[in-house]
All heavy atoms as atom14 arrays in JSON, in Angstrom:
{
  "sequence": "MLEAIAQIACKGAVTLKPDPQVGLAAEATLPARCALPA",
  "atom14_mask": [
    [1, 1, 1, 1, 1, 1, 1, 1, 0, 0, 0, 0, 0, 0],
    [1, 1, 1, 1, 1, 1, 1, 1, 0, 0, 0, 0, 0, 0],
    [1, 1, 1, 1, 1, 1, 1, 1, 1, 0, 0, 0, 0, 0],
    [1, 1, 1, 1, 1, 0, 0, 0, 0, 0, 0, 0, 0, 0],
    [1, 1, 1, 1, 1, 1, 1, 1, 0, 0, 0, 0, 0, 0],
    [1, 1, 1, 1, 1, 0, 0, 0, 0, 0, 0, 0, 0, 0],
    [1, 1, 1, 1, 1, 1, 1, 1, 1, 0, 0, 0, 0, 0],
    [1, 1, 1, 1, 1, 1, 1, 1, 0, 0, 0, 0, 0, 0],
    [1, 1, 1, 1, 1, 0, 0, 0, 0, 0, 0, 0, 0, 0],
    [1, 1, 1, 1, 1, 1, 0, 0, 0, 0, 0, 0, 0, 0],
    [1, 1, 1, 1, 1, 1, 1, 1, 1, 0, 0, 0, 0, 0],
    [1, 1, 1, 1, 0, 0, 0, 0, 0, 0, 0, 0, 0, 0],
    [1, 1, 1, 1, 1, 0, 0, 0, 0, 0, 0, 0, 0, 0],
    [1, 1, 1, 1, 1, 1, 1, 0, 0, 0, 0, 0, 0, 0],
    [1, 1, 1, 1, 1, 1, 1, 0, 0, 0, 0, 0, 0, 0],
    [1, 1, 1, 1, 1, 1, 1, 1, 0, 0, 0, 0, 0, 0],
    [1, 1, 1, 1, 1, 1, 1, 1, 1, 0, 0, 0, 0, 0],
    [1, 1, 1, 1, 1, 1, 1, 0, 0, 0, 0, 0, 0, 0],
    [1, 1, 1, 1, 1, 1, 1, 1, 0, 0, 0, 0, 0, 0],
    [1, 1, 1, 1, 1, 1, 1, 0, 0, 0, 0, 0, 0, 0],
    [1, 1, 1, 1, 1, 1, 1, 1, 1, 0, 0, 0, 0, 0],
    [1, 1, 1, 1, 1, 1, 1, 0, 0, 0, 0, 0, 0, 0],
    [1, 1, 1, 1, 0, 0, 0, 0, 0, 0, 0, 0, 0, 0],
    [1, 1, 1, 1, 1, 1, 1, 1, 0, 0, 0, 0, 0, 0],
    [1, 1, 1, 1, 1, 0, 0, 0, 0, 0, 0, 0, 0, 0],
    [1, 1, 1, 1, 1, 0, 0, 0, 0, 0, 0, 0, 0, 0],
    [1, 1, 1, 1, 1, 1, 1, 1, 1, 0, 0, 0, 0, 0],
    [1, 1, 1, 1, 1, 0, 0, 0, 0, 0, 0, 0, 0, 0],
    [1, 1, 1, 1, 1, 1, 1, 0, 0, 0, 0, 0, 0, 0],
    [1, 1, 1, 1, 1, 1, 1, 1, 0, 0, 0, 0, 0, 0],
    [1, 1, 1, 1, 1, 1, 1, 0, 0, 0, 0, 0, 0, 0],
    [1, 1, 1, 1, 1, 0, 0, 0, 0, 0, 0, 0, 0, 0],
    [1, 1, 1, 1, 1, 1, 1, 1, 1, 1, 1, 0, 0, 0],
    [1, 1, 1, 1, 1, 1, 0, 0, 0, 0, 0, 0, 0, 0],
    [1, 1, 1, 1, 1, 0, 0, 0, 0, 0, 0, 0, 0, 0],
    [1, 1, 1, 1, 1, 1, 1, 1, 0, 0, 0, 0, 0, 0],
    [1, 1, 1, 1, 1, 1, 1, 0, 0, 0, 0, 0, 0, 0],
    [1, 1, 1, 1, 1, 0, 0, 0, 0, 0, 0, 0, 0, 0]
  ],
  "atom14_positions": [
    [[-54.48, -70.34, -12.92], [-54.39, -70.21, -11.42], [-54.3, -68.72, -10.98], [-54.91, -68.18, -10.1], [-53.36, -71.18, -10.91], [-53.11, -71.04, -9.31], [-54.5, -71.48, -8.4], [-54.35, -73.35, -8.51], [0.0, 0.0, 0.0], [0.0, 0.0, 0.0], [0.0, 0.0, 0.0], [0.0, 0.0, 0.0], [0.0, 0.0, 0.0], [0.0, 0.0, 0.0]],
    [[-53.24, -67.96, -11.56], [-53.0, -66.61, -11.26], [-54.11, -65.71, -11.67], [-54.49, -64.72, -11.01], [-51.56, -66.21, -11.85], [-50.48, -66.88, -11.48], [-49.2, -66.58, -12.25], [-50.11, -66.75, -9.96], [0.0, 0.0, 0.0], [0.0, 0.0, 0.0], [0.0, 0.0, 0.0], [0.0, 0.0, 0.0], [0.0, 0.0, 0.0], [0.0, 0.0, 0.0]],
    [[-54.75, -66.08, -12.69], [-55.94, -65.28, -13.15], [-57.06, -65.56, -11.97], [-57.68, -64.43, -11.72], [-56.5, -65.69, -14.46], [-55.6, -65.4, -15.67], [-55.91, -66.14, -16.96], [-56.74, -67.08, -16.81], [-55.47, -65.72, -17.89], [0.0, 0.0, 0.0], [0.0, 0.0, 0.0], [0.0, 0.0, 0.0], [0.0, 0.0, 0.0], [0.0, 0.0, 0.0]],
    [[-57.24, -66.65, -11.55], [-58.27, -66.88, -10.48], [-57.84, -66.08, -9.18], [-58.75, -65.5, -8.53], [-58.43, -68.21, -10.18], [0.0, 0.0, 0.0], [0.0, 0.0, 0.0], [0.0, 0.0, 0.0], [0.0, 0.0, 0.0], [0.0, 0.0, 0.0], [0.0, 0.0, 0.0], [0.0, 0.0, 0.0], [0.0, 0.0, 0.0], [0.0, 0.0, 0.0]],
    [[-56.67, -66.13, -8.81], [-56.16, -65.4, -7.67], [-56.45, -63.89, -7.73], [-56.86, -63.21, -6.9], [-54.72, -65.6, -7.38], [-54.47, -67.08, -6.85], [-54.09, -64.72, -6.4], [-53.12, -67.49, -6.81], [0.0, 0.0, 0.0], [0.0, 0.0, 0.0], [0.0, 0.0, 0.0], [0.0, 0.0, 0.0], [0.0, 0.0, 0.0], [0.0, 0.0, 0.0]],
    [[-56.06, -63.29, -8.97], [-56.36, -61.94, -9.19], [-57.82, -61.65, -9.19], [-58.19, -60.56, -8.61], [-55.82, -61.59, -10.66], [0.0, 0.0, 0.0], [0.0, 0.0, 0.0], [0.0, 0.0, 0.0], [0.0, 0.0, 0.0], [0.0, 0.0, 0.0], [0.0, 0.0, 0.0], [0.0, 0.0, 0.0], [0.0, 0.0, 0.0], [0.0, 0.0, 0.0]],
    [[-58.7, -62.57, -9.7], [-60.1, -62.19, -9.7], [-60.67, -62.22, -8.23], [-61.45, -61.37, -7.86], [-60.85, -63.31, -10.46], [-60.65, -63.23, -11.86], [-61.24, -64.31, -12.71], [-61.71, -65.35, -12.11], [-60.91, -64.3, -13.98], [0.0, 0.0, 0.0], [0.0, 0.0, 0.0], [0.0, 0.0, 0.0], [0.0, 0.0, 0.0], [0.0, 0.0, 0.0]],
    [[-60.07, -63.08, -7.32], [-60.62, -63.09, -5.91], [-60.04, -61.99, -5.21], [-60.76, -61.31, -4.38], [-60.22, -64.56, -5.37], [-60.89, -65.6, -6.09], [-60.68, -64.5, -3.87], [-60.35, -67.01, -5.71], [0.0, 0.0, 0.0], [0.0, 0.0, 0.0], [0.0, 0.0, 0.0], [0.0, 0.0, 0.0], [0.0, 0.0, 0.0], [0.0, 0.0, 0.0]],
    [[-58.7, -61.9, -5.29], [-58.05, -60.98, -4.4], [-57.97, -59.51, -4.82], [-57.96, -58.57, -3.94], [-56.53, -61.46, -4.11], [0.0, 0.0, 0.0], [0.0, 0.0, 0.0], [0.0, 0.0, 0.0], [0.0, 0.0, 0.0], [0.0, 0.0, 0.0], [0.0, 0.0, 0.0], [0.0, 0.0, 0.0], [0.0, 0.0, 0.0], [0.0, 0.0, 0.0]],
    [[-57.97, -59.35, -6.12], [-57.8, -57.93, -6.79], [-59.09, -57.46, -7.34], [-59.15, -56.39, -7.8], [-56.66, -57.9, -7.68], [-55.07, -58.65, -7.05], [0.0, 0.0, 0.0], [0.0, 0.0, 0.0], [0.0, 0.0, 0.0], [0.0, 0.0, 0.0], [0.0, 0.0, 0.0], [0.0, 0.0, 0.0], [0.0, 0.0, 0.0], [0.0, 0.0, 0.0]],
    [[-60.01, -58.42, -7.54], [-61.3, -57.96, -8.35], [-61.02, -57.51, -9.67], [-61.65, -56.61, -10.3], [-62.1, -56.99, -7.58], [-62.31, -57.28, -6.11], [-63.12, -58.52, -5.83], [-63.35, -58.89, -4.45], [-63.93, -60.25, -4.18], [0.0, 0.0, 0.0], [0.0, 0.0, 0.0], [0.0, 0.0, 0.0], [0.0, 0.0, 0.0], [0.0, 0.0, 0.0]],
    [[-59.96, -58.14, -10.3], [-59.61, -57.69, -11.67], [-58.92, -58.77, -12.36], [-58.7, -59.83, -11.92], [0.0, 0.0, 0.0], [0.0, 0.0, 0.0], [0.0, 0.0, 0.0], [0.0, 0.0, 0.0], [0.0, 0.0, 0.0], [0.0, 0.0, 0.0], [0.0, 0.0, 0.0], [0.0, 0.0, 0.0], [0.0, 0.0, 0.0], [0.0, 0.0, 0.0]],
    [[-58.32, -58.43, -13.5], [-57.61, -59.39, -14.36], [-56.19, -59.25, -14.39], [-55.66, -58.11, -14.21], [-58.12, -59.4, -15.73], [0.0, 0.0, 0.0], [0.0, 0.0, 0.0], [0.0, 0.0, 0.0], [0.0, 0.0, 0.0], [0.0, 0.0, 0.0], [0.0, 0.0, 0.0], [0.0, 0.0, 0.0], [0.0, 0.0, 0.0], [0.0, 0.0, 0.0]],
    [[-55.35, -60.25, -14.51], [-53.9, -60.13, -14.65], [-53.57, -59.82, -16.08], [-54.26, -60.05, -17.06], [-53.18, -61.49, -14.35], [-53.5, -61.88, -13.01], [-53.62, -62.69, -15.3], [0.0, 0.0, 0.0], [0.0, 0.0, 0.0], [0.0, 0.0, 0.0], [0.0, 0.0, 0.0], [0.0, 0.0, 0.0], [0.0, 0.0, 0.0], [0.0, 0.0, 0.0]],
    [[-52.45, -59.19, -16.37], [-51.86, -58.98, -17.63], [-50.77, -60.0, -17.92], [-49.76, -59.96, -17.17], [-51.25, -57.53, -17.71], [-52.32, -56.46, -17.45], [-50.76, -57.19, -19.14], [0.0, 0.0, 0.0], [0.0, 0.0, 0.0], [0.0, 0.0, 0.0], [0.0, 0.0, 0.0], [0.0, 0.0, 0.0], [0.0, 0.0, 0.0], [0.0, 0.0, 0.0]],
    [[-51.03, -60.76, -18.92], [-50.08, -61.86, -19.34], [-49.25, -61.3, -20.37], [-49.65, -60.91, -21.46], [-50.78, -63.11, -19.65], [-51.63, -63.81, -18.49], [-52.52, -64.83, -19.11], [-50.58, -64.28, -17.44], [0.0, 0.0, 0.0], [0.0, 0.0, 0.0], [0.0, 0.0, 0.0], [0.0, 0.0, 0.0], [0.0, 0.0, 0.0], [0.0, 0.0, 0.0]],
    [[-47.88, -61.59, -20.19], [-46.95, -61.16, -21.26], [-45.96, -62.36, -21.54], [-45.06, -62.61, -20.73], [-46.14, -60.0, -20.85], [-45.07, -59.47, -21.88], [-44.27, -58.21, -21.31], [-43.16, -57.82, -22.33], [-42.45, -56.71, -21.79], [0.0, 0.0, 0.0], [0.0, 0.0, 0.0], [0.0, 0.0, 0.0], [0.0, 0.0, 0.0], [0.0, 0.0, 0.0]],
    [[-46.12, -63.05, -22.7], [-45.22, -64.13, -23.07], [-43.78, -63.68, -23.1], [-43.5, -62.51, -23.47], [-45.76, -64.69, -24.33], [-47.13, -64.16, -24.39], [-47.2, -62.82, -23.8], [0.0, 0.0, 0.0], [0.0, 0.0, 0.0], [0.0, 0.0, 0.0], [0.0, 0.0, 0.0], [0.0, 0.0, 0.0], [0.0, 0.0, 0.0], [0.0, 0.0, 0.0]],
    [[-42.81, -64.64, -22.9], [-41.44, -64.28, -23.02], [-40.93, -65.14, -24.19], [-40.48, -66.3, -24.04], [-40.64, -64.55, -21.87], [-39.23, -64.08, -21.85], [-38.76, -63.8, -23.01], [-38.48, -64.09, -20.89], [0.0, 0.0, 0.0], [0.0, 0.0, 0.0], [0.0, 0.0, 0.0], [0.0, 0.0, 0.0], [0.0, 0.0, 0.0], [0.0, 0.0, 0.0]],
    [[-40.92, -64.67, -25.44], [-40.51, -65.51, -26.65], [-39.05, -65.95, -26.66], [-38.72, -66.9, -27.17], [-40.81, -64.63, -27.83], [-40.73, -63.1, -27.29], [-41.33, -63.29, -25.93], [0.0, 0.0, 0.0], [0.0, 0.0, 0.0], [0.0, 0.0, 0.0], [0.0, 0.0, 0.0], [0.0, 0.0, 0.0], [0.0, 0.0, 0.0], [0.0, 0.0, 0.0]],
    [[-38.15, -65.17, -25.9], [-36.86, -65.44, -25.79], [-36.46, -66.69, -25.0], [-35.46, -67.48, -25.33], [-36.01, -64.33, -25.23], [-35.93, -63.07, -26.15], [-35.16, -61.96, -25.71], [-34.75, -61.87, -24.52], [-34.86, -61.02, -26.57], [0.0, 0.0, 0.0], [0.0, 0.0, 0.0], [0.0, 0.0, 0.0], [0.0, 0.0, 0.0], [0.0, 0.0, 0.0]],
    [[-37.36, -67.01, -24.02], [-37.17, -68.08, -23.19], [-37.97, -69.29, -23.63], [-37.58, -70.52, -23.56], [-37.48, -67.73, -21.67], [-37.41, -68.93, -20.81], [-36.59, -66.58, -21.11], [0.0, 0.0, 0.0], [0.0, 0.0, 0.0], [0.0, 0.0, 0.0], [0.0, 0.0, 0.0], [0.0, 0.0, 0.0], [0.0, 0.0, 0.0], [0.0, 0.0, 0.0]],
    [[-39.06, -69.07, -24.32], [-39.97, -70.11, -24.73], [-41.19, -70.26, -23.97], [-42.05, -69.46, -23.92], [0.0, 0.0, 0.0], [0.0, 0.0, 0.0], [0.0, 0.0, 0.0], [0.0, 0.0, 0.0], [0.0, 0.0, 0.0], [0.0, 0.0, 0.0], [0.0, 0.0, 0.0], [0.0, 0.0, 0.0], [0.0, 0.0, 0.0], [0.0, 0.0, 0.0]],
    [[-41.15, -71.23, -23.0], [-42.34, -71.59, -22.24], [-42.25, -70.76, -20.99], [-42.04, -71.33, -19.87], [-42.41, -73.14, -21.89], [-42.65, -74.01, -23.1], [-42.63, -75.4, -22.74], [-43.97, -73.63, -23.8], [0.0, 0.0, 0.0], [0.0, 0.0, 0.0], [0.0, 0.0, 0.0], [0.0, 0.0, 0.0], [0.0, 0.0, 0.0], [0.0, 0.0, 0.0]],
    [[-42.4, -69.49, -21.15], [-42.26, -68.55, -19.94], [-43.22, -67.27, -20.25], [-43.48, -67.01, -21.32], [-40.81, -68.07, -19.78], [0.0, 0.0, 0.0], [0.0, 0.0, 0.0], [0.0, 0.0, 0.0], [0.0, 0.0, 0.0], [0.0, 0.0, 0.0], [0.0, 0.0, 0.0], [0.0, 0.0, 0.0], [0.0, 0.0, 0.0], [0.0, 0.0, 0.0]],
    [[-43.6, -66.72, -19.06], [-44.38, -65.61, -19.14], [-44.4, -64.77, -18.0], [-43.91, -65.33, -16.81], [-45.86, -65.9, -19.44], [0.0, 0.0, 0.0], [0.0, 0.0, 0.0], [0.0, 0.0, 0.0], [0.0, 0.0, 0.0], [0.0, 0.0, 0.0], [0.0, 0.0, 0.0], [0.0, 0.0, 0.0], [0.0, 0.0, 0.0], [0.0, 0.0, 0.0]],
    [[-44.75, -63.61, -18.02], [-44.91, -62.75, -16.69], [-46.44, -62.27, -16.56], [-47.07, -62.01, -17.54], [-44.08, -61.5, -16.9], [-42.66, -61.77, -16.7], [-41.79, -60.48, -16.7], [-42.27, -59.31, -17.0], [-40.53, -60.59, -16.42], [0.0, 0.0, 0.0], [0.0, 0.0, 0.0], [0.0, 0.0, 0.0], [0.0, 0.0, 0.0], [0.0, 0.0, 0.0]],
    [[-46.92, -62.54, -15.27], [-48.24, -62.21, -14.97], [-48.29, -61.04, -14.09], [-47.65, -61.18, -12.92], [-49.02, -63.46, -14.44], [0.0, 0.0, 0.0], [0.0, 0.0, 0.0], [0.0, 0.0, 0.0], [0.0, 0.0, 0.0], [0.0, 0.0, 0.0], [0.0, 0.0, 0.0], [0.0, 0.0, 0.0], [0.0, 0.0, 0.0], [0.0, 0.0, 0.0]],
    [[-48.8, -59.86, -14.49], [-48.83, -58.61, -13.66], [-50.28, -58.57, -13.06], [-51.24, -58.55, -13.81], [-48.53, -57.52, -14.44], [-47.18, -57.6, -15.11], [-48.39, -56.14, -13.68], [0.0, 0.0, 0.0], [0.0, 0.0, 0.0], [0.0, 0.0, 0.0], [0.0, 0.0, 0.0], [0.0, 0.0, 0.0], [0.0, 0.0, 0.0], [0.0, 0.0, 0.0]],
    [[-50.22, -58.5, -11.69], [-51.56, -58.33, -10.99], [-52.1, -56.79, -11.19], [-51.22, -55.94, -11.44], [-51.34, -58.52, -9.55], [-50.97, -60.02, -9.07], [-50.91, -60.12, -7.55], [-51.99, -61.02, -9.69], [0.0, 0.0, 0.0], [0.0, 0.0, 0.0], [0.0, 0.0, 0.0], [0.0, 0.0, 0.0], [0.0, 0.0, 0.0], [0.0, 0.0, 0.0]],
    [[-53.38, -56.72, -11.05], [-53.88, -55.39, -11.37], [-53.21, -54.3, -10.43], [-52.96, -54.58, -9.39], [-55.36, -55.42, -11.06], [-55.58, -57.01, -11.25], [-54.3, -57.64, -10.76], [0.0, 0.0, 0.0], [0.0, 0.0, 0.0], [0.0, 0.0, 0.0], [0.0, 0.0, 0.0], [0.0, 0.0, 0.0], [0.0, 0.0, 0.0], [0.0, 0.0, 0.0]],
    [[-53.17, -53.03, -10.87], [-52.78, -51.94, -10.09], [-53.73, -51.78, -8.91], [-54.94, -52.12, -9.02], [-52.57, -50.71, -10.91], [0.0, 0.0, 0.0], [0.0, 0.0, 0.0], [0.0, 0.0, 0.0], [0.0, 0.0, 0.0], [0.0, 0.0, 0.0], [0.0, 0.0, 0.0], [0.0, 0.0, 0.0], [0.0, 0.0, 0.0], [0.0, 0.0, 0.0]],
    [[-53.35, -51.18, -7.91], [-54.18, -50.8, -6.73], [-54.91, -52.14, -6.11], [-55.92, -52.13, -5.62], [-55.31, -49.87, -7.05], [-54.85, -48.51, -7.59], [-56.02, -47.5, -7.89], [-55.49, -46.38, -8.47], [-55.42, -46.18, -9.86], [-55.7, -47.19, -10.65], [-54.91, -44.99, -10.32], [0.0, 0.0, 0.0], [0.0, 0.0, 0.0], [0.0, 0.0, 0.0]],
    [[-54.11, -53.13, -6.23], [-54.52, -54.45, -5.68], [-54.07, -54.53, -4.27], [-52.85, -54.65, -3.99], [-54.15, -55.7, -6.41], [-54.7, -57.27, -5.83], [0.0, 0.0, 0.0], [0.0, 0.0, 0.0], [0.0, 0.0, 0.0], [0.0, 0.0, 0.0], [0.0, 0.0, 0.0], [0.0, 0.0, 0.0], [0.0, 0.0, 0.0], [0.0, 0.0, 0.0]],
    [[-54.95, -54.52, -3.26], [-54.55, -54.4, -1.74], [-54.24, -55.81, -1.26], [-55.25, -56.61, -0.96], [-55.59, -53.73, -1.08], [0.0, 0.0, 0.0], [0.0, 0.0, 0.0], [0.0, 0.0, 0.0], [0.0, 0.0, 0.0], [0.0, 0.0, 0.0], [0.0, 0.0, 0.0], [0.0, 0.0, 0.0], [0.0, 0.0, 0.0], [0.0, 0.0, 0.0]],
    [[-53.07, -56.41, -1.36], [-52.72, -57.7, -0.98], [-52.2, -57.53, 0.51], [-51.16, -56.99, 0.79], [-51.65, -58.35, -1.8], [-52.17, -58.55, -3.22], [-50.87, -59.06, -4.09], [-53.31, -59.63, -3.27], [0.0, 0.0, 0.0], [0.0, 0.0, 0.0], [0.0, 0.0, 0.0], [0.0, 0.0, 0.0], [0.0, 0.0, 0.0], [0.0, 0.0, 0.0]],
    [[-53.0, -58.01, 1.48], [-52.53, -57.89, 2.92], [-51.12, -58.58, 3.08], [-50.89, -59.62, 2.57], [-53.57, -58.55, 3.66], [-54.27, -59.39, 2.76], [-54.25, -58.74, 1.4], [0.0, 0.0, 0.0], [0.0, 0.0, 0.0], [0.0, 0.0, 0.0], [0.0, 0.0, 0.0], [0.0, 0.0, 0.0], [0.0, 0.0, 0.0], [0.0, 0.0, 0.0]],
    [[-50.37, -58.01, 3.92], [-48.98, -58.59, 4.24], [-48.89, -59.22, 5.6], [-47.84, -59.82, 5.81], [-47.97, -57.38, 4.1], [0.0, 0.0, 0.0], [0.0, 0.0, 0.0], [0.0, 0.0, 0.0], [0.0, 0.0, 0.0], [0.0, 0.0, 0.0], [0.0, 0.0, 0.0], [0.0, 0.0, 0.0], [0.0, 0.0, 0.0], [0.0, 0.0, 0.0]]
  ]
}
């Protein structure tokens, strides 16, 4: 879902980083210079 949002809103891909210490957890970083209106 977050990858799709990044493709539509940011015209790019997210960077996914699993968190092995927590288990079923990860961080998704949106592309730099992604203009998300506020």
